[in-house]
Amino acid sequence: MNESIDWTRITHDVNGNPRYVCHYLNLLTEAERIAPLYDYQGRPMTPSKYEIAVKRANSIGGRKFHNKQYGGGIVFQSYAIGDTERSIREAVAKAEAAEGHPHFPL
């Protein structure tokens, strides 16, 4: 995951601060991405991939994007989108290290 994150600029917040949305898959580790959605009996796995991504985004200032225009979105308020992207990469790298996968390319 060395490619840059595809950001979508959305309307500013009530205070005029810029906001950007990215897809939740950008906040998952490789192991989380390829994990099955359902268990062997057909029940959904908990927590879901989206729940994992939202929790990770919350730790760095992101929030769940409640809107129909961008399904599966995570919104960040940011004046420096490069710093936000770096924070996402660091959070994912920390999660990879916790999983026992220290070979995450930054």
PDB file of N, CA and C in Angstrom:
ATOM      1  N   MET A   1       0.833  -1.191   0.000  1.00  0.00           N
ATOM      2  CA  MET A   1       0.000   0.000   0.000  1.00  0.00           C
ATOM      3  C   MET A   1       0.868   1.241   0.000  1.00  0.00           C
ATOM      4  N   ASN A   2       1.716   1.348  -0.964  1.00  0.00           N
ATOM      5  CA  ASN A   2       2.599   2.494  -1.058  1.00  0.00           C
ATOM      6  C   ASN A   2       2.007   3.580  -1.938  1.00  0.00           C
ATOM      7  N   GLU A   3       0.879   3.315  -2.587  1.00  0.00           N
ATOM      8  CA  GLU A   3       0.243   4.312  -3.431  1.00  0.00           C
ATOM      9  C   GLU A   3      -0.442   5.367  -2.569  1.00  0.00           C
ATOM     10  N   SER A   4      -0.697   6.515  -3.163  1.00  0.00           N
ATOM     11  CA  SER A   4      -1.337   7.577  -2.389  1.00  0.00           C
ATOM     12  C   SER A   4      -2.829   7.307  -2.259  1.00  0.00           C
ATOM     13  N   ILE A   5      -3.408   7.913  -1.259  1.00  0.00           N
ATOM     14  CA  ILE A   5      -4.831   7.741  -0.978  1.00  0.00           C
ATOM     15  C   ILE A   5      -5.623   8.671  -1.886  1.00  0.00           C
ATOM     16  N   ASP A   6      -6.715   8.160  -2.439  1.00  0.00           N
ATOM     17  CA  ASP A   6      -7.591   8.947  -3.302  1.00  0.00           C
ATOM     18  C   ASP A   6      -8.563   9.729  -2.415  1.00  0.00           C
ATOM     19  N   TRP A   7      -8.376  11.037  -2.333  1.00  0.00           N
ATOM     20  CA  TRP A   7      -9.193  11.904  -1.487  1.00  0.00           C
ATOM     21  C   TRP A   7     -10.278  12.593  -2.302  1.00  0.00           C
ATOM     22  N   THR A   8     -11.427  12.795  -1.684  1.00  0.00           N
ATOM     23  CA  THR A   8     -12.518  13.560  -2.285  1.00  0.00           C
ATOM     24  C   THR A   8     -12.811  14.741  -1.375  1.00  0.00           C
ATOM     25  N   ARG A   9     -12.743  15.928  -1.935  1.00  0.00           N
ATOM     26  CA  ARG A   9     -13.034  17.143  -1.167  1.00  0.00           C
ATOM     27  C   ARG A   9     -14.545  17.272  -1.042  1.00  0.00           C
ATOM     28  N   ILE A  10     -15.033  17.509   0.179  1.00  0.00           N
ATOM     29  CA  ILE A  10     -16.464  17.714   0.392  1.00  0.00           C
ATOM     30  C   ILE A  10     -16.676  19.095   0.994  1.00  0.00           C
ATOM     31  N   THR A  11     -17.918  19.462   1.231  1.00  0.00           N
ATOM     32  CA  THR A  11     -18.200  20.785   1.772  1.00  0.00           C
ATOM     33  C   THR A  11     -17.551  20.964   3.132  1.00  0.00           C
ATOM     34  N   HIS A  12     -17.222  22.197   3.438  1.00  0.00           N
ATOM     35  CA  HIS A  12     -16.569  22.503   4.704  1.00  0.00           C
ATOM     36  C   HIS A  12     -17.529  22.283   5.877  1.00  0.00           C
ATOM     37  N   ASP A  13     -16.978  22.226   7.076  1.00  0.00           N
ATOM     38  CA  ASP A  13     -17.836  22.054   8.248  1.00  0.00           C
ATOM     39  C   ASP A  13     -18.454  23.394   8.642  1.00  0.00           C
ATOM     40  N   VAL A  14     -19.181  23.412   9.724  1.00  0.00           N
ATOM     41  CA  VAL A  14     -19.920  24.607  10.140  1.00  0.00           C
ATOM     42  C   VAL A  14     -18.977  25.771  10.474  1.00  0.00           C
ATOM     43  N   ASN A  15     -17.738  25.469  10.817  1.00  0.00           N
ATOM     44  CA  ASN A  15     -16.759  26.512  11.141  1.00  0.00           C
ATOM     45  C   ASN A  15     -15.891  26.907   9.952  1.00  0.00           C
ATOM     46  N   GLY A  16     -16.146  26.341   8.797  1.00  0.00           N
ATOM     47  CA  GLY A  16     -15.393  26.687   7.601  1.00  0.00           C
ATOM     48  C   GLY A  16     -14.127  25.882   7.389  1.00  0.00           C
ATOM     49  N   ASN A  17     -13.916  24.832   8.170  1.00  0.00           N
ATOM     50  CA  ASN A  17     -12.718  24.017   8.026  1.00  0.00           C
ATOM     51  C   ASN A  17     -12.874  23.037   6.864  1.00  0.00           C
ATOM     52  N   PRO A  18     -11.805  22.831   6.081  1.00  0.00           N
ATOM     53  CA  PRO A  18     -11.888  21.906   4.949  1.00  0.00           C
ATOM     54  C   PRO A  18     -12.026  20.464   5.407  1.00  0.00           C
ATOM     55  N   ARG A  19     -12.789  19.679   4.642  1.00  0.00           N
ATOM     56  CA  ARG A  19     -12.996  18.262   4.959  1.00  0.00           C
ATOM     57  C   ARG A  19     -12.731  17.428   3.719  1.00  0.00           C
ATOM     58  N   TYR A  20     -12.156  16.257   3.957  1.00  0.00           N
ATOM     59  CA  TYR A  20     -11.823  15.320   2.892  1.00  0.00           C
ATOM     60  C   TYR A  20     -12.310  13.934   3.286  1.00  0.00           C
ATOM     61  N   VAL A  21     -12.706  13.146   2.273  1.00  0.00           N
ATOM     62  CA  VAL A  21     -13.190  11.787   2.501  1.00  0.00           C
ATOM     63  C   VAL A  21     -12.289  10.810   1.749  1.00  0.00           C
ATOM     64  N   CYS A  22     -12.001   9.681   2.398  1.00  0.00           N
ATOM     65  CA  CYS A  22     -11.317   8.579   1.729  1.00  0.00           C
ATOM     66  C   CYS A  22     -12.106   7.304   2.012  1.00  0.00           C
ATOM     67  N   HIS A  23     -11.841   6.268   1.244  1.00  0.00           N
ATOM     68  CA  HIS A  23     -12.540   4.999   1.421  1.00  0.00           C
ATOM     69  C   HIS A  23     -11.977   4.281   2.639  1.00  0.00           C
ATOM     70  N   TYR A  24     -12.826   3.540   3.316  1.00  0.00           N
ATOM     71  CA  TYR A  24     -12.419   2.872   4.554  1.00  0.00           C
ATOM     72  C   TYR A  24     -11.338   1.814   4.345  1.00  0.00           C
ATOM     73  N   LEU A  25     -11.219   1.259   3.154  1.00  0.00           N
ATOM     74  CA  LEU A  25     -10.196   0.238   2.909  1.00  0.00           C
ATOM     75  C   LEU A  25      -8.783   0.786   3.054  1.00  0.00           C
ATOM     76  N   ASN A  26      -8.622   2.110   2.945  1.00  0.00           N
ATOM     77  CA  ASN A  26      -7.304   2.716   3.139  1.00  0.00           C
ATOM     78  C   ASN A  26      -6.834   2.616   4.581  1.00  0.00           C
ATOM     79  N   LEU A  27      -7.732   2.340   5.506  1.00  0.00           N
ATOM     80  CA  LEU A  27      -7.383   2.262   6.920  1.00  0.00           C
ATOM     81  C   LEU A  27      -7.260   0.834   7.432  1.00  0.00           C
ATOM     82  N   LEU A  28      -7.286  -0.141   6.549  1.00  0.00           N
ATOM     83  CA  LEU A  28      -7.168  -1.541   6.949  1.00  0.00           C
ATOM     84  C   LEU A  28      -5.798  -2.089   6.604  1.00  0.00           C
ATOM     85  N   THR A  29      -5.346  -3.045   7.399  1.00  0.00           N
ATOM     86  CA  THR A  29      -4.103  -3.732   7.085  1.00  0.00           C
ATOM     87  C   THR A  29      -4.380  -4.731   5.957  1.00  0.00           C
ATOM     88  N   GLU A  30      -3.332  -5.260   5.392  1.00  0.00           N
ATOM     89  CA  GLU A  30      -3.496  -6.235   4.306  1.00  0.00           C
ATOM     90  C   GLU A  30      -4.230  -7.480   4.804  1.00  0.00           C
ATOM     91  N   ALA A  31      -3.903  -7.925   6.006  1.00  0.00           N
ATOM     92  CA  ALA A  31      -4.564  -9.106   6.568  1.00  0.00           C
ATOM     93  C   ALA A  31      -6.049  -8.847   6.803  1.00  0.00           C
ATOM     94  N   GLU A  32      -6.382  -7.634   7.227  1.00  0.00           N
ATOM     95  CA  GLU A  32      -7.789  -7.293   7.449  1.00  0.00           C
ATOM     96  C   GLU A  32      -8.552  -7.211   6.132  1.00  0.00           C
ATOM     97  N   ARG A  33      -7.882  -6.756   5.086  1.00  0.00           N
ATOM     98  CA  ARG A  33      -8.542  -6.652   3.775  1.00  0.00           C
ATOM     99  C   ARG A  33      -8.917  -8.007   3.206  1.00  0.00           C
ATOM    100  N   ILE A  34      -8.032  -8.983   3.376  1.00  0.00           N
ATOM    101  CA  ILE A  34      -8.285 -10.283   2.758  1.00  0.00           C
ATOM    102  C   ILE A  34      -9.049 -11.235   3.676  1.00  0.00           C
ATOM    103  N   ALA A  35      -9.343 -10.787   4.890  1.00  0.00           N
ATOM    104  CA  ALA A  35     -10.098 -11.631   5.827  1.00  0.00           C
ATOM    105  C   ALA A  35     -11.509 -11.870   5.284  1.00  0.00           C
ATOM    106  N   PRO A  36     -12.084 -13.026   5.562  1.00  0.00           N
ATOM    107  CA  PRO A  36     -13.440 -13.311   5.068  1.00  0.00           C
ATOM    108  C   PRO A  36     -14.481 -12.420   5.739  1.00  0.00           C
ATOM    109  N   LEU A  37     -15.565 -12.162   5.023  1.00  0.00           N
ATOM    110  CA  LEU A  37     -16.658 -11.359   5.567  1.00  0.00           C
ATOM    111  C   LEU A  37     -17.594 -12.186   6.435  1.00  0.00           C
ATOM    112  N   TYR A  38     -17.633 -13.502   6.171  1.00  0.00           N
ATOM    113  CA  TYR A  38     -18.547 -14.386   6.890  1.00  0.00           C
ATOM    114  C   TYR A  38     -17.787 -15.582   7.443  1.00  0.00           C
ATOM    115  N   ASP A  39     -18.287 -16.158   8.540  1.00  0.00           N
ATOM    116  CA  ASP A  39     -17.663 -17.352   9.089  1.00  0.00           C
ATOM    117  C   ASP A  39     -18.149 -18.589   8.323  1.00  0.00           C
ATOM    118  N   TYR A  40     -17.732 -19.749   8.761  1.00  0.00           N
ATOM    119  CA  TYR A  40     -18.060 -20.979   8.023  1.00  0.00           C
ATOM    120  C   TYR A  40     -19.546 -21.317   8.049  1.00  0.00           C
ATOM    121  N   GLN A  41     -20.327 -20.686   8.948  1.00  0.00           N
ATOM    122  CA  GLN A  41     -21.765 -20.931   8.998  1.00  0.00           C
ATOM    123  C   GLN A  41     -22.572 -19.837   8.304  1.00  0.00           C
ATOM    124  N   GLY A  42     -21.883 -18.916   7.661  1.00  0.00           N
ATOM    125  CA  GLY A  42     -22.563 -17.861   6.923  1.00  0.00           C
ATOM    126  C   GLY A  42     -22.943 -16.644   7.743  1.00  0.00           C
ATOM    127  N   ARG A  43     -22.481 -16.585   8.990  1.00  0.00           N
ATOM    128  CA  ARG A  43     -22.768 -15.424   9.835  1.00  0.00           C
ATOM    129  C   ARG A  43     -21.721 -14.349   9.598  1.00  0.00           C
ATOM    130  N   PRO A  44     -22.135 -13.076   9.641  1.00  0.00           N
ATOM    131  CA  PRO A  44     -21.156 -11.993   9.459  1.00  0.00           C
ATOM    132  C   PRO A  44     -20.111 -11.994  10.575  1.00  0.00           C
ATOM    133  N   MET A  45     -18.882 -11.725  10.194  1.00  0.00           N
ATOM    134  CA  MET A  45     -17.801 -11.635  11.174  1.00  0.00           C
ATOM    135  C   MET A  45     -17.952 -10.327  11.944  1.00  0.00           C
ATOM    136  N   THR A  46     -17.658 -10.351  13.223  1.00  0.00           N
ATOM    137  CA  THR A  46     -17.686  -9.134  14.028  1.00  0.00           C
ATOM    138  C   THR A  46     -16.338  -8.955  14.683  1.00  0.00           C
ATOM    139  N   PRO A  47     -15.778  -7.786  14.779  1.00  0.00           N
ATOM    140  CA  PRO A  47     -16.305  -6.571  14.163  1.00  0.00           C
ATOM    141  C   PRO A  47     -16.099  -6.594  12.652  1.00  0.00           C
ATOM    142  N   SER A  48     -16.921  -5.848  11.962  1.00  0.00           N
ATOM    143  CA  SER A  48     -16.805  -5.795  10.506  1.00  0.00           C
ATOM    144  C   SER A  48     -15.585  -4.975  10.105  1.00  0.00           C
ATOM    145  N   LYS A  49     -15.216  -5.101   8.851  1.00  0.00           N
ATOM    146  CA  LYS A  49     -14.068  -4.351   8.348  1.00  0.00           C
ATOM    147  C   LYS A  49     -14.300  -2.849   8.485  1.00  0.00           C
ATOM    148  N   TYR A  50     -15.531  -2.415   8.228  1.00  0.00           N
ATOM    149  CA  TYR A  50     -15.848  -0.988   8.327  1.00  0.00           C
ATOM    150  C   TYR A  50     -15.738  -0.512   9.778  1.00  0.00           C
ATOM    151  N   GLU A  51     -16.188  -1.316  10.728  1.00  0.00           N
ATOM    152  CA  GLU A  51     -16.083  -0.954  12.140  1.00  0.00           C
ATOM    153  C   GLU A  51     -14.627  -0.830  12.577  1.00  0.00           C
ATOM    154  N   ILE A  52     -13.781  -1.719  12.087  1.00  0.00           N
ATOM    155  CA  ILE A  52     -12.352  -1.655  12.400  1.00  0.00           C
ATOM    156  C   ILE A  52     -11.757  -0.365  11.856  1.00  0.00           C
ATOM    157  N   ALA A  53     -12.100  -0.037  10.610  1.00  0.00           N
ATOM    158  CA  ALA A  53     -11.569   1.177   9.981  1.00  0.00           C
ATOM    159  C   ALA A  53     -12.049   2.433  10.693  1.00  0.00           C
ATOM    160  N   VAL A  54     -13.313   2.477  11.088  1.00  0.00           N
ATOM    161  CA  VAL A  54     -13.847   3.658  11.780  1.00  0.00           C
ATOM    162  C   VAL A  54     -13.158   3.832  13.132  1.00  0.00           C
ATOM    163  N   LYS A  55     -12.955   2.744  13.845  1.00  0.00           N
ATOM    164  CA  LYS A  55     -12.275   2.836  15.138  1.00  0.00           C
ATOM    165  C   LYS A  55     -10.847   3.345  14.974  1.00  0.00           C
ATOM    166  N   ARG A  56     -10.153   2.851  13.948  1.00  0.00           N
ATOM    167  CA  ARG A  56      -8.787   3.303  13.685  1.00  0.00           C
ATOM    168  C   ARG A  56      -8.782   4.771  13.265  1.00  0.00           C
ATOM    169  N   ALA A  57      -9.759   5.173  12.450  1.00  0.00           N
ATOM    170  CA  ALA A  57      -9.850   6.576  12.025  1.00  0.00           C
ATOM    171  C   ALA A  57     -10.146   7.489  13.208  1.00  0.00           C
ATOM    172  N   ASN A  58     -10.994   7.036  14.130  1.00  0.00           N
ATOM    173  CA  ASN A  58     -11.312   7.844  15.305  1.00  0.00           C
ATOM    174  C   ASN A  58     -10.067   8.151  16.124  1.00  0.00           C
ATOM    175  N   SER A  59      -9.126   7.223  16.142  1.00  0.00           N
ATOM    176  CA  SER A  59      -7.909   7.428  16.933  1.00  0.00           C
ATOM    177  C   SER A  59      -7.015   8.523  16.353  1.00  0.00           C
ATOM    178  N   ILE A  60      -7.203   8.863  15.081  1.00  0.00           N
ATOM    179  CA  ILE A  60      -6.389   9.911  14.457  1.00  0.00           C
ATOM    180  C   ILE A  60      -7.235  11.089  13.970  1.00  0.00           C
ATOM    181  N   GLY A  61      -8.459  11.195  14.454  1.00  0.00           N
ATOM    182  CA  GLY A  61      -9.281  12.361  14.149  1.00  0.00           C
ATOM    183  C   GLY A  61     -10.290  12.186  13.033  1.00  0.00           C
ATOM    184  N   GLY A  62     -10.422  10.999  12.485  1.00  0.00           N
ATOM    185  CA  GLY A  62     -11.398  10.750  11.428  1.00  0.00           C
ATOM    186  C   GLY A  62     -12.747  10.350  11.997  1.00  0.00           C
ATOM    187  N   ARG A  63     -13.768  10.512  11.200  1.00  0.00           N
ATOM    188  CA  ARG A  63     -15.123  10.164  11.612  1.00  0.00           C
ATOM    189  C   ARG A  63     -15.828   9.416  10.494  1.00  0.00           C
ATOM    190  N   LYS A  64     -16.834   8.645  10.857  1.00  0.00           N
ATOM    191  CA  LYS A  64     -17.676   7.956   9.884  1.00  0.00           C
ATOM    192  C   LYS A  64     -18.418   9.005   9.068  1.00  0.00           C
ATOM    193  N   PHE A  65     -18.426   8.822   7.742  1.00  0.00           N
ATOM    194  CA  PHE A  65     -19.086   9.781   6.856  1.00  0.00           C
ATOM    195  C   PHE A  65     -20.500   9.309   6.586  1.00  0.00           C
ATOM    196  N   HIS A  66     -21.477  10.009   7.132  1.00  0.00           N
ATOM    197  CA  HIS A  66     -22.887   9.654   7.012  1.00  0.00           C
ATOM    198  C   HIS A  66     -23.478  10.368   5.801  1.00  0.00           C
ATOM    199  N   ASN A  67     -23.353   9.773   4.631  1.00  0.00           N
ATOM    200  CA  ASN A  67     -23.861  10.417   3.441  1.00  0.00           C
ATOM    201  C   ASN A  67     -24.014   9.383   2.333  1.00  0.00           C
ATOM    202  N   LYS A  68     -24.969   9.611   1.459  1.00  0.00           N
ATOM    203  CA  LYS A  68     -25.185   8.676   0.347  1.00  0.00           C
ATOM    204  C   LYS A  68     -24.210   8.899  -0.798  1.00  0.00           C
ATOM    205  N   GLN A  69     -23.589  10.066  -0.868  1.00  0.00           N
ATOM    206  CA  GLN A  69     -22.724  10.372  -2.009  1.00  0.00           C
ATOM    207  C   GLN A  69     -21.420   9.589  -1.986  1.00  0.00           C
ATOM    208  N   TYR A  70     -21.035   9.064  -0.835  1.00  0.00           N
ATOM    209  CA  TYR A  70     -19.760   8.351  -0.737  1.00  0.00           C
ATOM    210  C   TYR A  70     -19.942   7.185   0.225  1.00  0.00           C
ATOM    211  N   GLY A  71     -20.278   6.036  -0.285  1.00  0.00           N
ATOM    212  CA  GLY A  71     -20.478   4.855   0.558  1.00  0.00           C
ATOM    213  C   GLY A  71     -19.168   4.333   1.113  1.00  0.00           C
ATOM    214  N   GLY A  72     -19.145   4.028   2.378  1.00  0.00           N
ATOM    215  CA  GLY A  72     -17.937   3.501   3.010  1.00  0.00           C
ATOM    216  C   GLY A  72     -16.874   4.541   3.212  1.00  0.00           C
ATOM    217  N   GLY A  73     -17.280   5.770   3.457  1.00  0.00           N
ATOM    218  CA  GLY A  73     -16.326   6.851   3.580  1.00  0.00           C
ATOM    219  C   GLY A  73     -15.946   7.172   5.010  1.00  0.00           C
ATOM    220  N   ILE A  74     -14.727   7.664   5.162  1.00  0.00           N
ATOM    221  CA  ILE A  74     -14.218   8.174   6.424  1.00  0.00           C
ATOM    222  C   ILE A  74     -13.833   9.630   6.164  1.00  0.00           C
ATOM    223  N   VAL A  75     -14.339  10.536   6.986  1.00  0.00           N
ATOM    224  CA  VAL A  75     -14.103  11.961   6.769  1.00  0.00           C
ATOM    225  C   VAL A  75     -13.057  12.480   7.752  1.00  0.00           C
ATOM    226  N   PHE A  76     -12.180  13.330   7.236  1.00  0.00           N
ATOM    227  CA  PHE A  76     -11.142  13.984   8.038  1.00  0.00           C
ATOM    228  C   PHE A  76     -11.225  15.483   7.821  1.00  0.00           C
ATOM    229  N   GLN A  77     -11.082  16.232   8.894  1.00  0.00           N
ATOM    230  CA  GLN A  77     -10.980  17.685   8.809  1.00  0.00           C
ATOM    231  C   GLN A  77      -9.496  17.996   8.769  1.00  0.00           C
ATOM    232  N   SER A  78      -9.039  18.647   7.696  1.00  0.00           N
ATOM    233  CA  SER A  78      -7.600  18.815   7.555  1.00  0.00           C
ATOM    234  C   SER A  78      -7.252  20.004   6.679  1.00  0.00           C
ATOM    235  N   TYR A  79      -6.260  20.761   7.130  1.00  0.00           N
ATOM    236  CA  TYR A  79      -5.663  21.806   6.306  1.00  0.00           C
ATOM    237  C   TYR A  79      -4.428  21.271   5.588  1.00  0.00           C
ATOM    238  N   ALA A  80      -3.865  20.181   6.079  1.00  0.00           N
ATOM    239  CA  ALA A  80      -2.671  19.566   5.490  1.00  0.00           C
ATOM    240  C   ALA A  80      -2.977  18.092   5.230  1.00  0.00           C
ATOM    241  N   ILE A  81      -3.483  17.793   4.052  1.00  0.00           N
ATOM    242  CA  ILE A  81      -3.920  16.437   3.739  1.00  0.00           C
ATOM    243  C   ILE A  81      -2.739  15.460   3.700  1.00  0.00           C
ATOM    244  N   GLY A  82      -1.552  15.949   3.405  1.00  0.00           N
ATOM    245  CA  GLY A  82      -0.361  15.101   3.425  1.00  0.00           C
ATOM    246  C   GLY A  82      -0.061  14.587   4.829  1.00  0.00           C
ATOM    247  N   ASP A  83      -0.240  15.447   5.834  1.00  0.00           N
ATOM    248  CA  ASP A  83      -0.037  15.026   7.222  1.00  0.00           C
ATOM    249  C   ASP A  83      -1.098  14.007   7.636  1.00  0.00           C
ATOM    250  N   THR A  84      -2.324  14.193   7.167  1.00  0.00           N
ATOM    251  CA  THR A  84      -3.396  13.255   7.471  1.00  0.00           C
ATOM    252  C   THR A  84      -3.095  11.898   6.852  1.00  0.00           C
ATOM    253  N   GLU A  85      -2.619  11.904   5.621  1.00  0.00           N
ATOM    254  CA  GLU A  85      -2.268  10.658   4.947  1.00  0.00           C
ATOM    255  C   GLU A  85      -1.129   9.945   5.678  1.00  0.00           C
ATOM    256  N   ARG A  86      -0.160  10.711   6.147  1.00  0.00           N
ATOM    257  CA  ARG A  86       0.952  10.125   6.909  1.00  0.00           C
ATOM    258  C   ARG A  86       0.433   9.515   8.219  1.00  0.00           C
ATOM    259  N   SER A  87      -0.513  10.183   8.870  1.00  0.00           N
ATOM    260  CA  SER A  87      -1.099   9.649  10.107  1.00  0.00           C
ATOM    261  C   SER A  87      -1.827   8.334   9.847  1.00  0.00           C
ATOM    262  N   ILE A  88      -2.515   8.240   8.714  1.00  0.00           N
ATOM    263  CA  ILE A  88      -3.206   7.005   8.351  1.00  0.00           C
ATOM    264  C   ILE A  88      -2.192   5.888   8.152  1.00  0.00           C
ATOM    265  N   ARG A  89      -1.128   6.171   7.419  1.00  0.00           N
ATOM    266  CA  ARG A  89      -0.098   5.150   7.171  1.00  0.00           C
ATOM    267  C   ARG A  89       0.544   4.689   8.480  1.00  0.00           C
ATOM    268  N   GLU A  90       0.781   5.627   9.405  1.00  0.00           N
ATOM    269  CA  GLU A  90       1.371   5.266  10.696  1.00  0.00           C
ATOM    270  C   GLU A  90       0.421   4.403  11.515  1.00  0.00           C
ATOM    271  N   ALA A  91      -0.872   4.727  11.490  1.00  0.00           N
ATOM    272  CA  ALA A  91      -1.864   3.940  12.234  1.00  0.00           C
ATOM    273  C   ALA A  91      -1.970   2.528  11.669  1.00  0.00           C
ATOM    274  N   VAL A  92      -1.939   2.408  10.351  1.00  0.00           N
ATOM    275  CA  VAL A  92      -2.003   1.086   9.724  1.00  0.00           C
ATOM    276  C   VAL A  92      -0.716   0.309  10.008  1.00  0.00           C
ATOM    277  N   ALA A  93       0.421   0.988   9.974  1.00  0.00           N
ATOM    278  CA  ALA A  93       1.692   0.326  10.273  1.00  0.00           C
ATOM    279  C   ALA A  93       1.721  -0.168  11.720  1.00  0.00           C
ATOM    280  N   LYS A  94       1.170   0.622  12.622  1.00  0.00           N
ATOM    281  CA  LYS A  94       1.102   0.214  14.034  1.00  0.00           C
ATOM    282  C   LYS A  94       0.219  -1.019  14.190  1.00  0.00           C
ATOM    283  N   ALA A  95      -0.891  -1.062  13.469  1.00  0.00           N
ATOM    284  CA  ALA A  95      -1.783  -2.216  13.515  1.00  0.00           C
ATOM    285  C   ALA A  95      -1.106  -3.443  12.907  1.00  0.00           C
ATOM    286  N   GLU A  96      -0.353  -3.250  11.814  1.00  0.00           N
ATOM    287  CA  GLU A  96       0.386  -4.359  11.195  1.00  0.00           C
ATOM    288  C   GLU A  96       1.412  -4.927  12.156  1.00  0.00           C
ATOM    289  N   ALA A  97       2.106  -4.042  12.867  1.00  0.00           N
ATOM    290  CA  ALA A  97       3.115  -4.498  13.825  1.00  0.00           C
ATOM    291  C   ALA A  97       2.462  -5.273  14.965  1.00  0.00           C
ATOM    292  N   ALA A  98       1.289  -4.841  15.367  1.00  0.00           N
ATOM    293  CA  ALA A  98       0.585  -5.530  16.442  1.00  0.00           C
ATOM    294  C   ALA A  98       0.110  -6.915  15.989  1.00  0.00           C
ATOM    295  N   GLU A  99      -0.161  -7.059  14.693  1.00  0.00           N
ATOM    296  CA  GLU A  99      -0.558  -8.351  14.144  1.00  0.00           C
ATOM    297  C   GLU A  99       0.617  -9.284  13.964  1.00  0.00           C
ATOM    298  N   GLY A 100       1.830  -8.741  14.036  1.00  0.00           N
ATOM    299  CA  GLY A 100       3.009  -9.561  13.814  1.00  0.00           C
ATOM    300  C   GLY A 100       3.495  -9.493  12.381  1.00  0.00           C
ATOM    301  N   HIS A 101       3.140  -8.428  11.662  1.00  0.00           N
ATOM    302  CA  HIS A 101       3.580  -8.226  10.283  1.00  0.00           C
ATOM    303  C   HIS A 101       4.443  -6.956  10.213  1.00  0.00           C
ATOM    304  N   PRO A 102       5.707  -7.030  10.591  1.00  0.00           N
ATOM    305  CA  PRO A 102       6.535  -5.828  10.619  1.00  0.00           C
ATOM    306  C   PRO A 102       7.003  -5.363   9.246  1.00  0.00           C
ATOM    307  N   HIS A 103       6.666  -6.070   8.168  1.00  0.00           N
ATOM    308  CA  HIS A 103       7.157  -5.727   6.837  1.00  0.00           C
ATOM    309  C   HIS A 103       6.213  -4.822   6.072  1.00  0.00           C
ATOM    310  N   PHE A 104       5.704  -3.777   6.704  1.00  0.00           N
ATOM    311  CA  PHE A 104       4.778  -2.855   6.048  1.00  0.00           C
ATOM    312  C   PHE A 104       5.572  -1.741   5.372  1.00  0.00           C
ATOM    313  N   PRO A 105       5.467  -1.576   4.061  1.00  0.00           N
ATOM    314  CA  PRO A 105       6.211  -0.510   3.381  1.00  0.00           C
ATOM    315  C   PRO A 105       5.556   0.845   3.612  1.00  0.00           C
ATOM    316  N   LEU A 106       6.351   1.819   3.996  1.00  0.00           N
ATOM    317  CA  LEU A 106       5.833   3.185   4.199  1.00  0.00           C
ATOM    318  C   LEU A 106       6.055   4.039   2.991  1.00  0.00           C
TER     319      LEU A 106
END
